[in-house]
Amino acid sequence: MTHLLYLLFFSFLMSVVFAVFFDGDARERLIYGVKVFLKFVFVSIFIGWVFYFLF
C-alpha cells in the first residue's frame, strides 16, 4: 500500500510542477494538472500490471 501512496504523492507533486510551468490561465493550468496527474497514475498502474504478468 505504501508504494501506491508514494506513486500518488509523486504524481501530485509532478503535476503541480508541470501545471505551474504550463502556459495559460488558471483554469487551463488546473485542467492540465489534473490530466497529468491521472496520466501518471494510470500509466504507472498499467505498466505495473504488464510487468506483473511478464515476470
C-alpha atoms as a PDB file:
ATOM      1  CA  MET A   1       0.000   0.000   0.000  1.00  0.00           C
ATOM      2  CA  THR A   2       2.881   2.367   0.629  1.00  0.00           C
ATOM      3  CA  HIS A   3       4.009   2.098  -2.998  1.00  0.00           C
ATOM      4  CA  LEU A   4       0.629   3.353  -4.131  1.00  0.00           C
ATOM      5  CA  LEU A   5       0.819   6.277  -1.706  1.00  0.00           C
ATOM      6  CA  TYR A   6       4.310   7.134  -2.965  1.00  0.00           C
ATOM      7  CA  LEU A   7       3.002   6.964  -6.527  1.00  0.00           C
ATOM      8  CA  LEU A   8       0.103   9.284  -5.720  1.00  0.00           C
ATOM      9  CA  PHE A   9       2.362  11.715  -3.853  1.00  0.00           C
ATOM     10  CA  PHE A  10       4.955  11.790  -6.648  1.00  0.00           C
ATOM     11  CA  SER A  11       2.255  12.164  -9.308  1.00  0.00           C
ATOM     12  CA  PHE A  12       0.679  15.023  -7.389  1.00  0.00           C
ATOM     13  CA  LEU A  13       3.975  16.869  -6.984  1.00  0.00           C
ATOM     14  CA  MET A  14       4.963  16.429 -10.626  1.00  0.00           C
ATOM     15  CA  SER A  15       1.543  17.507 -11.877  1.00  0.00           C
ATOM     16  CA  VAL A  16       1.719  20.655  -9.741  1.00  0.00           C
ATOM     17  CA  VAL A  17       5.173  21.479 -11.113  1.00  0.00           C
ATOM     18  CA  PHE A  18       4.113  20.841 -14.714  1.00  0.00           C
ATOM     19  CA  ALA A  19       0.933  22.879 -14.248  1.00  0.00           C
ATOM     20  CA  VAL A  20       2.882  25.829 -12.823  1.00  0.00           C
ATOM     21  CA  PHE A  21       5.130  25.961 -15.883  1.00  0.00           C
ATOM     22  CA  PHE A  22       2.259  25.435 -18.346  1.00  0.00           C
ATOM     23  CA  ASP A  23       1.208  28.476 -20.378  1.00  0.00           C
ATOM     24  CA  GLY A  24      -2.378  29.559 -19.971  1.00  0.00           C
ATOM     25  CA  ASP A  25      -4.799  30.938 -17.452  1.00  0.00           C
ATOM     26  CA  ALA A  26      -5.589  29.392 -14.067  1.00  0.00           C
ATOM     27  CA  ARG A  27      -8.419  27.198 -15.368  1.00  0.00           C
ATOM     28  CA  GLU A  28      -6.262  25.724 -18.154  1.00  0.00           C
ATOM     29  CA  ARG A  29      -3.448  25.061 -15.685  1.00  0.00           C
ATOM     30  CA  LEU A  30      -5.822  23.268 -13.329  1.00  0.00           C
ATOM     31  CA  ILE A  31      -7.206  21.087 -16.114  1.00  0.00           C
ATOM     32  CA  TYR A  32      -3.689  20.335 -17.359  1.00  0.00           C
ATOM     33  CA  GLY A  33      -2.515  19.440 -13.847  1.00  0.00           C
ATOM     34  CA  VAL A  34      -5.423  17.032 -13.324  1.00  0.00           C
ATOM     35  CA  LYS A  35      -4.791  15.405 -16.705  1.00  0.00           C
ATOM     36  CA  VAL A  36      -1.094  14.958 -15.965  1.00  0.00           C
ATOM     37  CA  PHE A  37      -1.880  13.506 -12.530  1.00  0.00           C
ATOM     38  CA  LEU A  38      -4.331  10.982 -13.946  1.00  0.00           C
ATOM     39  CA  LYS A  39      -1.963  10.020 -16.758  1.00  0.00           C
ATOM     40  CA  PHE A  40       0.897   9.456 -14.297  1.00  0.00           C
ATOM     41  CA  VAL A  41      -1.279   7.229 -12.110  1.00  0.00           C
ATOM     42  CA  PHE A  42      -2.971   5.197 -14.848  1.00  0.00           C
ATOM     43  CA  VAL A  43       0.170   4.652 -16.922  1.00  0.00           C
ATOM     44  CA  SER A  44       2.143   3.608 -13.834  1.00  0.00           C
ATOM     45  CA  ILE A  45      -0.530   1.128 -12.758  1.00  0.00           C
ATOM     46  CA  PHE A  46      -0.773  -0.227 -16.311  1.00  0.00           C
ATOM     47  CA  ILE A  47       2.996  -0.712 -16.552  1.00  0.00           C
ATOM     48  CA  GLY A  48       2.938  -2.395 -13.146  1.00  0.00           C
ATOM     49  CA  TRP A  49       0.323  -4.877 -14.330  1.00  0.00           C
ATOM     50  CA  VAL A  50       2.273  -5.575 -17.519  1.00  0.00           C
ATOM     51  CA  PHE A  51       5.415  -6.294 -15.505  1.00  0.00           C
ATOM     52  CA  TYR A  52       3.396  -8.453 -13.118  1.00  0.00           C
ATOM     53  CA  PHE A  53       2.295 -10.723 -15.943  1.00  0.00           C
ATOM     54  CA  LEU A  54       5.664 -10.716 -17.730  1.00  0.00           C
ATOM     55  CA  PHE A  55       7.806 -11.517 -14.718  1.00  0.00           C
END
